[in-house]
C-alpha atoms as a PDB file:
ATOM      1  CA  MET A   1      14.783 -16.729  -1.678  1.00  0.00           C
ATOM      2  CA  PRO A   2      15.164 -18.346   1.770  1.00  0.00           C
ATOM      3  CA  ARG A   3      17.830 -21.044   1.779  1.00  0.00           C
ATOM      4  CA  GLU A   4      15.863 -23.322   4.091  1.00  0.00           C
ATOM      5  CA  LEU A   5      13.320 -24.214   1.399  1.00  0.00           C
ATOM      6  CA  PRO A   6      13.792 -27.940   0.596  1.00  0.00           C
ATOM      7  CA  PRO A   7      13.831 -29.837  -2.710  1.00  0.00           C
ATOM      8  CA  LEU A   8      10.624 -31.658  -3.614  1.00  0.00           C
ATOM      9  CA  ASP A   9      10.412 -35.106  -5.215  1.00  0.00           C
ATOM     10  CA  VAL A  10       7.754 -35.662  -7.873  1.00  0.00           C
ATOM     11  CA  LEU A  11       5.712 -38.849  -7.325  1.00  0.00           C
ATOM     12  CA  LEU A  12       2.808 -37.986  -9.663  1.00  0.00           C
ATOM     13  CA  PRO A  13       2.155 -37.589 -12.527  1.00  0.00           C
ATOM     14  CA  LEU A  14       3.893 -40.804 -13.512  1.00  0.00           C
ATOM     15  CA  ASP A  15       5.571 -39.308 -16.563  1.00  0.00           C
ATOM     16  CA  ARG A  16       7.491 -36.972 -14.233  1.00  0.00           C
ATOM     17  CA  ALA A  17       7.994 -39.381 -11.337  1.00  0.00           C
ATOM     18  CA  GLY A  18      11.536 -39.357 -10.007  1.00  0.00           C
ATOM     19  CA  ALA A  19      12.221 -35.727 -10.887  1.00  0.00           C
ATOM     20  CA  THR A  20      13.421 -33.389  -8.144  1.00  0.00           C
ATOM     21  CA  LEU A  21      12.300 -29.771  -7.961  1.00  0.00           C
ATOM     22  CA  ALA A  22      15.118 -27.837  -6.365  1.00  0.00           C
ATOM     23  CA  PRO A  23      14.404 -24.366  -5.004  1.00  0.00           C
ATOM     24  CA  GLU A  24      15.143 -21.725  -7.629  1.00  0.00           C
ATOM     25  CA  PRO A  25      14.696 -17.963  -7.960  1.00  0.00           C
ATOM     26  CA  GLY A  26      11.122 -17.152  -8.878  1.00  0.00           C
ATOM     27  CA  GLU A  27      10.070 -20.818  -8.553  1.00  0.00           C
ATOM     28  CA  PRO A  28       9.075 -21.270 -12.244  1.00  0.00           C
ATOM     29  CA  ALA A  29       8.556 -25.038 -11.915  1.00  0.00           C
ATOM     30  CA  LEU A  30       6.217 -24.643  -8.951  1.00  0.00           C
ATOM     31  CA  HIS A  31       4.417 -21.776 -10.660  1.00  0.00           C
ATOM     32  CA  ALA A  32       3.701 -24.146 -13.559  1.00  0.00           C
ATOM     33  CA  LEU A  33       2.496 -26.938 -11.241  1.00  0.00           C
ATOM     34  CA  TYR A  34       0.376 -24.639  -9.106  1.00  0.00           C
ATOM     35  CA  ALA A  35      -1.031 -22.325 -11.766  1.00  0.00           C
ATOM     36  CA  HIS A  36      -4.388 -21.236 -10.394  1.00  0.00           C
ATOM     37  CA  PRO A  37      -7.340 -22.896 -12.142  1.00  0.00           C
ATOM     38  CA  GLU A  38      -9.587 -20.818 -14.374  1.00  0.00           C
ATOM     39  CA  PRO A  39     -13.275 -20.336 -13.465  1.00  0.00           C
ATOM     40  CA  ARG A  40     -15.552 -23.027 -14.813  1.00  0.00           C
ATOM     41  CA  PRO A  41     -18.176 -21.959 -17.378  1.00  0.00           C
ATOM     42  CA  GLY A  42     -20.890 -19.964 -15.670  1.00  0.00           C
ATOM     43  CA  ARG A  43     -18.845 -19.287 -12.531  1.00  0.00           C
ATOM     44  CA  PRO A  44     -17.293 -15.942 -11.578  1.00  0.00           C
ATOM     45  CA  THR A  45     -14.398 -17.384  -9.573  1.00  0.00           C
ATOM     46  CA  ALA A  46     -12.107 -20.399  -9.329  1.00  0.00           C
ATOM     47  CA  VAL A  47     -11.667 -21.632  -5.764  1.00  0.00           C
ATOM     48  CA  ARG A  48      -8.617 -23.573  -4.652  1.00  0.00           C
ATOM     49  CA  ALA A  49      -8.619 -24.826  -1.075  1.00  0.00           C
ATOM     50  CA  ASN A  50      -5.363 -25.419   0.771  1.00  0.00           C
ATOM     51  CA  MET A  51      -5.306 -27.531   3.930  1.00  0.00           C
ATOM     52  CA  ILE A  52      -2.959 -29.738   5.931  1.00  0.00           C
ATOM     53  CA  ALA A  53      -3.790 -32.836   7.965  1.00  0.00           C
ATOM     54  CA  THR A  54      -1.877 -35.335  10.077  1.00  0.00           C
ATOM     55  CA  LEU A  55      -1.806 -39.038   9.248  1.00  0.00           C
ATOM     56  CA  ASP A  56      -4.702 -39.563  11.638  1.00  0.00           C
ATOM     57  CA  GLY A  57      -6.738 -36.828   9.973  1.00  0.00           C
ATOM     58  CA  SER A  58      -6.345 -33.819  12.263  1.00  0.00           C
ATOM     59  CA  ALA A  59      -6.097 -30.378  10.657  1.00  0.00           C
ATOM     60  CA  GLN A  60      -4.674 -29.051  13.937  1.00  0.00           C
ATOM     61  CA  GLY A  61      -1.827 -29.818  16.258  1.00  0.00           C
ATOM     62  CA  PRO A  62      -2.194 -30.072  20.052  1.00  0.00           C
ATOM     63  CA  ASP A  63      -2.014 -26.265  20.237  1.00  0.00           C
ATOM     64  CA  GLY A  64      -5.121 -25.956  18.057  1.00  0.00           C
ATOM     65  CA  ARG A  65      -3.156 -24.498  15.148  1.00  0.00           C
ATOM     66  CA  SER A  66      -2.112 -25.861  11.778  1.00  0.00           C
ATOM     67  CA  ARG A  67       1.322 -24.255  12.045  1.00  0.00           C
ATOM     68  CA  SER A  68       2.403 -26.876  14.557  1.00  0.00           C
ATOM     69  CA  ILE A  69       1.938 -29.700  12.015  1.00  0.00           C
ATOM     70  CA  ASN A  70       3.455 -28.126   8.901  1.00  0.00           C
ATOM     71  CA  GLY A  71       7.057 -27.809   7.790  1.00  0.00           C
ATOM     72  CA  PRO A  72       9.441 -26.338   5.204  1.00  0.00           C
ATOM     73  CA  ALA A  73       8.066 -28.382   2.281  1.00  0.00           C
ATOM     74  CA  ASP A  74       4.512 -27.243   2.976  1.00  0.00           C
ATOM     75  CA  TRP A  75       5.724 -23.661   3.366  1.00  0.00           C
ATOM     76  CA  ARG A  76       7.492 -23.765  -0.004  1.00  0.00           C
ATOM     77  CA  VAL A  77       4.323 -24.584  -1.966  1.00  0.00           C
ATOM     78  CA  PHE A  78       2.118 -22.476   0.320  1.00  0.00           C
ATOM     79  CA  ARG A  79       3.952 -19.295  -0.633  1.00  0.00           C
ATOM     80  CA  VAL A  80       3.576 -20.084  -4.351  1.00  0.00           C
ATOM     81  CA  MET A  81      -0.150 -20.804  -4.005  1.00  0.00           C
ATOM     82  CA  ARG A  82      -0.595 -17.447  -2.337  1.00  0.00           C
ATOM     83  CA  ALA A  83       1.472 -15.733  -5.016  1.00  0.00           C
ATOM     84  CA  VAL A  84      -0.774 -17.001  -7.834  1.00  0.00           C
ATOM     85  CA  ALA A  85      -4.032 -16.074  -6.037  1.00  0.00           C
ATOM     86  CA  ASP A  86      -5.881 -12.752  -6.102  1.00  0.00           C
ATOM     87  CA  VAL A  87      -7.435 -13.159  -2.673  1.00  0.00           C
ATOM     88  CA  VAL A  88      -7.152 -15.465   0.336  1.00  0.00           C
ATOM     89  CA  LEU A  89     -10.524 -16.429   1.839  1.00  0.00           C
ATOM     90  CA  VAL A  90     -10.521 -17.428   5.496  1.00  0.00           C
ATOM     91  CA  GLY A  91     -12.930 -17.754   8.395  1.00  0.00           C
ATOM     92  CA  ALA A  92     -12.527 -15.273  11.235  1.00  0.00           C
ATOM     93  CA  GLY A  93     -11.928 -18.059  13.777  1.00  0.00           C
ATOM     94  CA  THR A  94      -9.021 -19.453  11.779  1.00  0.00           C
ATOM     95  CA  ALA A  95      -7.631 -15.968  11.144  1.00  0.00           C
ATOM     96  CA  ARG A  96      -7.727 -15.371  14.885  1.00  0.00           C
ATOM     97  CA  ALA A  97      -6.212 -18.749  15.868  1.00  0.00           C
ATOM     98  CA  GLU A  98      -3.432 -18.571  13.281  1.00  0.00           C
ATOM     99  CA  GLY A  99      -2.619 -14.900  13.914  1.00  0.00           C
ATOM    100  CA  TYR A 100      -3.371 -13.530  10.457  1.00  0.00           C
ATOM    101  CA  THR A 101      -2.074 -10.070   9.548  1.00  0.00           C
ATOM    102  CA  PRO A 102      -2.232  -8.249   6.171  1.00  0.00           C
ATOM    103  CA  LEU A 103      -0.741 -10.470   3.462  1.00  0.00           C
ATOM    104  CA  THR A 104       2.293  -9.827   1.297  1.00  0.00           C
ATOM    105  CA  VAL A 105       3.753 -11.638  -1.706  1.00  0.00           C
ATOM    106  CA  PRO A 106       7.347 -12.848  -1.170  1.00  0.00           C
ATOM    107  CA  ALA A 107       9.816 -10.625  -2.999  1.00  0.00           C
ATOM    108  CA  ASP A 108      11.213 -13.443  -5.147  1.00  0.00           C
ATOM    109  CA  LEU A 109       7.720 -14.301  -6.469  1.00  0.00           C
ATOM    110  CA  ARG A 110       6.544 -10.802  -7.385  1.00  0.00           C
ATOM    111  CA  GLU A 111       8.020 -10.669 -10.885  1.00  0.00           C
ATOM    112  CA  ALA A 112       6.022 -13.701 -12.058  1.00  0.00           C
ATOM    113  CA  ARG A 113       2.895 -12.196 -10.526  1.00  0.00           C
ATOM    114  CA  THR A 114       3.400  -8.961 -12.425  1.00  0.00           C
ATOM    115  CA  ALA A 115       4.008 -10.899 -15.658  1.00  0.00           C
ATOM    116  CA  ARG A 116       0.593 -12.563 -15.243  1.00  0.00           C
ATOM    117  CA  GLY A 117      -1.033  -9.157 -15.038  1.00  0.00           C
ATOM    118  CA  GLN A 118      -2.068  -9.559 -11.407  1.00  0.00           C
ATOM    119  CA  ALA A 119      -2.207  -6.686  -8.952  1.00  0.00           C
ATOM    120  CA  PRO A 120       0.964  -6.548  -6.839  1.00  0.00           C
ATOM    121  CA  GLY A 121      -0.897  -6.833  -3.540  1.00  0.00           C
ATOM    122  CA  LEU A 122      -2.529 -10.034  -2.281  1.00  0.00           C
ATOM    123  CA  GLU A 123      -5.962  -9.355  -0.812  1.00  0.00           C
ATOM    124  CA  LEU A 124      -7.520 -11.033   2.221  1.00  0.00           C
ATOM    125  CA  ALA A 125     -11.244 -11.724   2.708  1.00  0.00           C
ATOM    126  CA  VAL A 126     -12.496 -12.720   6.164  1.00  0.00           C
ATOM    127  CA  VAL A 127     -15.841 -14.488   6.605  1.00  0.00           C
ATOM    128  CA  THR A 128     -17.576 -13.612   9.867  1.00  0.00           C
ATOM    129  CA  VAL A 129     -21.165 -13.666  11.113  1.00  0.00           C
ATOM    130  CA  SER A 130     -20.484 -11.494  14.151  1.00  0.00           C
ATOM    131  CA  GLY A 131     -18.329  -8.923  12.371  1.00  0.00           C
ATOM    132  CA  ASP A 132     -15.566  -9.179  14.967  1.00  0.00           C
ATOM    133  CA  LEU A 133     -12.166  -8.951  13.279  1.00  0.00           C
ATOM    134  CA  PRO A 134      -9.065 -10.611  14.759  1.00  0.00           C
ATOM    135  CA  PRO A 135      -6.660  -8.167  16.461  1.00  0.00           C
ATOM    136  CA  GLY A 136      -3.984  -8.547  13.774  1.00  0.00           C
ATOM    137  CA  LEU A 137      -6.377  -7.257  11.100  1.00  0.00           C
ATOM    138  CA  ARG A 138      -7.644  -4.179  12.932  1.00  0.00           C
ATOM    139  CA  GLY A 139      -6.240  -0.685  12.541  1.00  0.00           C
ATOM    140  CA  THR A 140      -3.990  -1.586   9.614  1.00  0.00           C
ATOM    141  CA  ASP A 141      -3.368   0.412   6.442  1.00  0.00           C
ATOM    142  CA  ARG A 142      -4.315  -2.693   4.409  1.00  0.00           C
ATOM    143  CA  PRO A 143      -7.668  -3.776   5.833  1.00  0.00           C
ATOM    144  CA  PRO A 144      -9.244  -7.033   4.662  1.00  0.00           C
ATOM    145  CA  HIS A 145     -12.487  -7.459   2.795  1.00  0.00           C
ATOM    146  CA  VAL A 146     -15.029  -8.509   5.426  1.00  0.00           C
ATOM    147  CA  VAL A 147     -17.788 -10.903   4.332  1.00  0.00           C
ATOM    148  CA  VAL A 148     -20.871 -10.759   6.558  1.00  0.00           C
ATOM    149  CA  PRO A 149     -24.609 -11.559   6.400  1.00  0.00           C
ATOM    150  CA  GLN A 150     -27.283  -8.863   6.630  1.00  0.00           C
ATOM    151  CA  ALA A 151     -27.942  -9.890  10.232  1.00  0.00           C
ATOM    152  CA  CYS A 152     -24.417  -8.916  11.303  1.00  0.00           C
ATOM    153  CA  PRO A 153     -24.783  -6.314  14.084  1.00  0.00           C
ATOM    154  CA  ARG A 154     -21.535  -4.522  13.189  1.00  0.00           C
ATOM    155  CA  ILE A 155     -22.037  -3.684   9.508  1.00  0.00           C
ATOM    156  CA  ASP A 156     -22.013   0.089  10.054  1.00  0.00           C
ATOM    157  CA  ALA A 157     -19.033  -0.134  12.415  1.00  0.00           C
ATOM    158  CA  LEU A 158     -17.152  -2.277   9.911  1.00  0.00           C
ATOM    159  CA  ARG A 159     -17.831   0.191   7.102  1.00  0.00           C
ATOM    160  CA  ALA A 160     -16.355   2.932   9.257  1.00  0.00           C
ATOM    161  CA  GLU A 161     -13.372   0.776  10.227  1.00  0.00           C
ATOM    162  CA  VAL A 162     -12.302  -0.833   6.938  1.00  0.00           C
ATOM    163  CA  GLY A 163     -14.190   1.235   4.350  1.00  0.00           C
ATOM    164  CA  ALA A 164     -17.606   0.669   2.813  1.00  0.00           C
ATOM    165  CA  ASP A 165     -16.071  -0.802  -0.338  1.00  0.00           C
ATOM    166  CA  ARG A 166     -14.459  -3.571   1.724  1.00  0.00           C
ATOM    167  CA  VAL A 167     -17.593  -4.812   3.435  1.00  0.00           C
ATOM    168  CA  VAL A 168     -19.300  -7.584   1.452  1.00  0.00           C
ATOM    169  CA  VAL A 169     -22.870  -8.251   2.588  1.00  0.00           C
ATOM    170  CA  ALA A 170     -24.010 -11.638   1.304  1.00  0.00           C
ATOM    171  CA  GLY A 171     -26.934 -13.587   2.699  1.00  0.00           C
ATOM    172  CA  ALA A 172     -29.505 -12.925   5.423  1.00  0.00           C
ATOM    173  CA  ALA A 173     -28.741 -14.720   8.708  1.00  0.00           C
ATOM    174  CA  THR A 174     -25.685 -16.609   7.425  1.00  0.00           C
ATOM    175  CA  VAL A 175     -23.147 -15.860   4.729  1.00  0.00           C
ATOM    176  CA  ASP A 176     -24.274 -16.816   1.235  1.00  0.00           C
ATOM    177  CA  LEU A 177     -20.994 -18.077  -0.208  1.00  0.00           C
ATOM    178  CA  PRO A 178     -21.958 -18.006  -3.923  1.00  0.00           C
ATOM    179  CA  ARG A 179     -23.005 -14.368  -3.508  1.00  0.00           C
ATOM    180  CA  ALA A 180     -19.837 -13.598  -1.597  1.00  0.00           C
ATOM    181  CA  LEU A 181     -17.663 -15.089  -4.321  1.00  0.00           C
ATOM    182  CA  ALA A 182     -19.583 -13.170  -6.993  1.00  0.00           C
ATOM    183  CA  ALA A 183     -19.008  -9.942  -5.032  1.00  0.00           C
ATOM    184  CA  LEU A 184     -15.274 -10.654  -4.804  1.00  0.00           C
ATOM    185  CA  ALA A 185     -15.183 -11.350  -8.551  1.00  0.00           C
ATOM    186  CA  ALA A 186     -16.889  -7.988  -9.162  1.00  0.00           C
ATOM    187  CA  ARG A 187     -13.892  -6.461  -7.366  1.00  0.00           C
ATOM    188  CA  GLY A 188     -11.546  -8.229  -9.788  1.00  0.00           C
ATOM    189  CA  LEU A 189     -10.697 -11.039  -7.353  1.00  0.00           C
ATOM    190  CA  THR A 190     -11.420 -14.178  -9.363  1.00  0.00           C
ATOM    191  CA  ARG A 191      -8.547 -16.426  -8.192  1.00  0.00           C
ATOM    192  CA  VAL A 192      -9.617 -17.451  -4.693  1.00  0.00           C
ATOM    193  CA  LEU A 193      -7.409 -19.387  -2.281  1.00  0.00           C
ATOM    194  CA  ALA A 194      -9.505 -20.760   0.600  1.00  0.00           C
ATOM    195  CA  GLU A 195      -7.354 -21.449   3.651  1.00  0.00           C
ATOM    196  CA  GLY A 196     -10.068 -22.696   5.974  1.00  0.00           C
ATOM    197  CA  GLY A 197     -10.841 -23.308   8.607  1.00  0.00           C
ATOM    198  CA  PRO A 198     -12.514 -26.679   8.349  1.00  0.00           C
ATOM    199  CA  ARG A 199     -16.018 -25.312   8.874  1.00  0.00           C
ATOM    200  CA  LEU A 200     -15.704 -22.750   6.084  1.00  0.00           C
ATOM    201  CA  LEU A 201     -14.192 -25.378   3.809  1.00  0.00           C
ATOM    202  CA  THR A 202     -17.075 -27.715   4.633  1.00  0.00           C
ATOM    203  CA  ASP A 203     -19.569 -25.049   3.578  1.00  0.00           C
ATOM    204  CA  LEU A 204     -17.664 -24.428   0.346  1.00  0.00           C
ATOM    205  CA  VAL A 205     -17.497 -28.154  -0.422  1.00  0.00           C
ATOM    206  CA  GLN A 206     -21.163 -28.684   0.433  1.00  0.00           C
ATOM    207  CA  ALA A 207     -22.063 -25.898  -2.010  1.00  0.00           C
ATOM    208  CA  GLU A 208     -19.795 -27.539  -4.630  1.00  0.00           C
ATOM    209  CA  LEU A 209     -17.771 -24.338  -4.949  1.00  0.00           C
ATOM    210  CA  VAL A 210     -14.286 -25.848  -4.598  1.00  0.00           C
ATOM    211  CA  ASP A 211     -12.482 -26.540  -7.869  1.00  0.00           C
ATOM    212  CA  GLU A 212      -9.233 -27.861  -6.377  1.00  0.00           C
ATOM    213  CA  LEU A 213      -8.063 -29.136  -3.023  1.00  0.00           C
ATOM    214  CA  CYS A 214      -4.379 -28.952  -2.175  1.00  0.00           C
ATOM    215  CA  LEU A 215      -3.958 -31.247   0.809  1.00  0.00           C
ATOM    216  CA  THR A 216      -0.668 -31.790   2.609  1.00  0.00           C
ATOM    217  CA  SER A 217      -0.311 -35.010   4.615  1.00  0.00           C
ATOM    218  CA  SER A 218       1.945 -34.319   7.575  1.00  0.00           C
ATOM    219  CA  PRO A 219       3.900 -37.377   8.824  1.00  0.00           C
ATOM    220  CA  VAL A 220       2.780 -37.128  12.454  1.00  0.00           C
ATOM    221  CA  LEU A 221       0.095 -38.641  14.684  1.00  0.00           C
ATOM    222  CA  VAL A 222      -1.622 -36.427  17.234  1.00  0.00           C
ATOM    223  CA  GLY A 223      -4.843 -38.159  18.350  1.00  0.00           C
ATOM    224  CA  GLY A 224      -7.053 -35.848  20.371  1.00  0.00           C
ATOM    225  CA  PRO A 225     -10.155 -33.888  19.346  1.00  0.00           C
ATOM    226  CA  GLY A 226      -8.623 -31.947  16.436  1.00  0.00           C
ATOM    227  CA  LEU A 227     -10.896 -30.915  13.583  1.00  0.00           C
ATOM    228  CA  ARG A 228     -10.621 -32.665  10.227  1.00  0.00           C
ATOM    229  CA  ALA A 229      -9.863 -30.702   7.047  1.00  0.00           C
ATOM    230  CA  VAL A 230     -13.576 -30.951   6.228  1.00  0.00           C
ATOM    231  CA  GLN A 231     -15.619 -30.942   9.428  1.00  0.00           C
ATOM    232  CA  GLY A 232     -19.330 -30.705  10.109  1.00  0.00           C
ATOM    233  CA  PRO A 233     -22.214 -32.486  11.814  1.00  0.00           C
ATOM    234  CA  ASP A 234     -23.659 -33.728   8.538  1.00  0.00           C
ATOM    235  CA  TRP A 235     -22.304 -35.701   5.629  1.00  0.00           C
ATOM    236  CA  VAL A 236     -21.385 -33.678   2.556  1.00  0.00           C
ATOM    237  CA  THR A 237     -22.344 -34.884  -0.872  1.00  0.00           C
ATOM    238  CA  PRO A 238     -19.465 -37.112  -2.048  1.00  0.00           C
ATOM    239  CA  GLN A 239     -17.473 -35.400  -4.765  1.00  0.00           C
ATOM    240  CA  PRO A 240     -15.158 -37.194  -7.179  1.00  0.00           C
ATOM    241  CA  ALA A 241     -11.527 -36.136  -7.146  1.00  0.00           C
ATOM    242  CA  ARG A 242      -8.591 -36.724  -9.453  1.00  0.00           C
ATOM    243  CA  ALA A 243      -4.946 -36.401  -8.492  1.00  0.00           C
ATOM    244  CA  ALA A 244      -3.235 -33.675 -10.498  1.00  0.00           C
ATOM    245  CA  HIS A 245       0.143 -34.146  -8.845  1.00  0.00           C
ATOM    246  CA  LEU A 246       1.816 -35.480  -5.708  1.00  0.00           C
ATOM    247  CA  LEU A 247       5.089 -34.181  -4.287  1.00  0.00           C
ATOM    248  CA  HIS A 248       7.204 -35.451  -1.392  1.00  0.00           C
ATOM    249  CA  HIS A 249       9.834 -34.319   1.067  1.00  0.00           C
ATOM    250  CA  ALA A 250      10.938 -36.017   4.297  1.00  0.00           C
ATOM    251  CA  GLY A 251       7.712 -38.008   4.624  1.00  0.00           C
ATOM    252  CA  MET A 252       5.460 -35.039   3.923  1.00  0.00           C
ATOM    253  CA  LEU A 253       3.141 -35.552   0.930  1.00  0.00           C
ATOM    254  CA  LEU A 254       1.773 -32.585  -0.990  1.00  0.00           C
ATOM    255  CA  GLY A 255      -1.169 -33.446  -3.209  1.00  0.00           C
ATOM    256  CA  ARG A 256      -3.247 -31.370  -5.602  1.00  0.00           C
ATOM    257  CA  TRP A 257      -6.695 -32.776  -6.349  1.00  0.00           C
ATOM    258  CA  ARG A 258      -9.194 -31.605  -8.940  1.00  0.00           C
ATOM    259  CA  LEU A 259     -12.768 -31.804  -7.652  1.00  0.00           C
ATOM    260  CA  GLY A 260     -16.167 -32.007  -9.261  1.00  0.00           C
ATOM    261  CA  PRO A 261     -17.929 -33.933 -12.007  1.00  0.00           C
ATOM    262  CA  ASP A 262     -15.236 -33.122 -14.567  1.00  0.00           C
ATOM    263  CA  ALA A 263     -12.393 -34.280 -12.324  1.00  0.00           C
END
């Protein structure tokens, strides 16, 4: 386990406030805190969204990337959230901007994953209307699932490139997210970690498909035209949220919020 991972102070829930979660092999305490939610009745998947935002609400730094506003505390919980997921769902634009490549589970977190009965490999699903994959996801021996609408002009080319079983066609002119999630569930991928970007997260929220939001507040101000964690031209239907826990390190706040009418 990397030595640079920092301790995390528990602020919420109140009955655990004041405790410190030191890094430990296998991260059992964080696995307990970040256990992936189960699908709600009638739903094939459980979707957890993970985003970061500055104090003034930007989900990006001046370089247009989220990496420039995160830090070791965010990285520590990020790796656990990935380890408990079956698949990471991301928009092609974000995958391109952030330099996504095929995903791996950190070695120190694999034993707990195996004990849960999960497949050893973490899958990646990329949502794209055009069908253009980012360079880091092309020509690899672990291609992503590619989620496209029927109108995508590259469906046949994608099937040849990544394999027919990894092309998910959902929707007509735009991606139908409920259908896409159902198709991922049919592939055994029921624990979904949505990593953005903001536009994809907005669509998921608008469709009331997000069960949890893990939002890190980064202690910086950036101003500028950066996108918010949820960003779109129209208002989304307000959704109630309840704090499940809140952690802290060096001014960075890491919250987990349950969304929906049962929050």
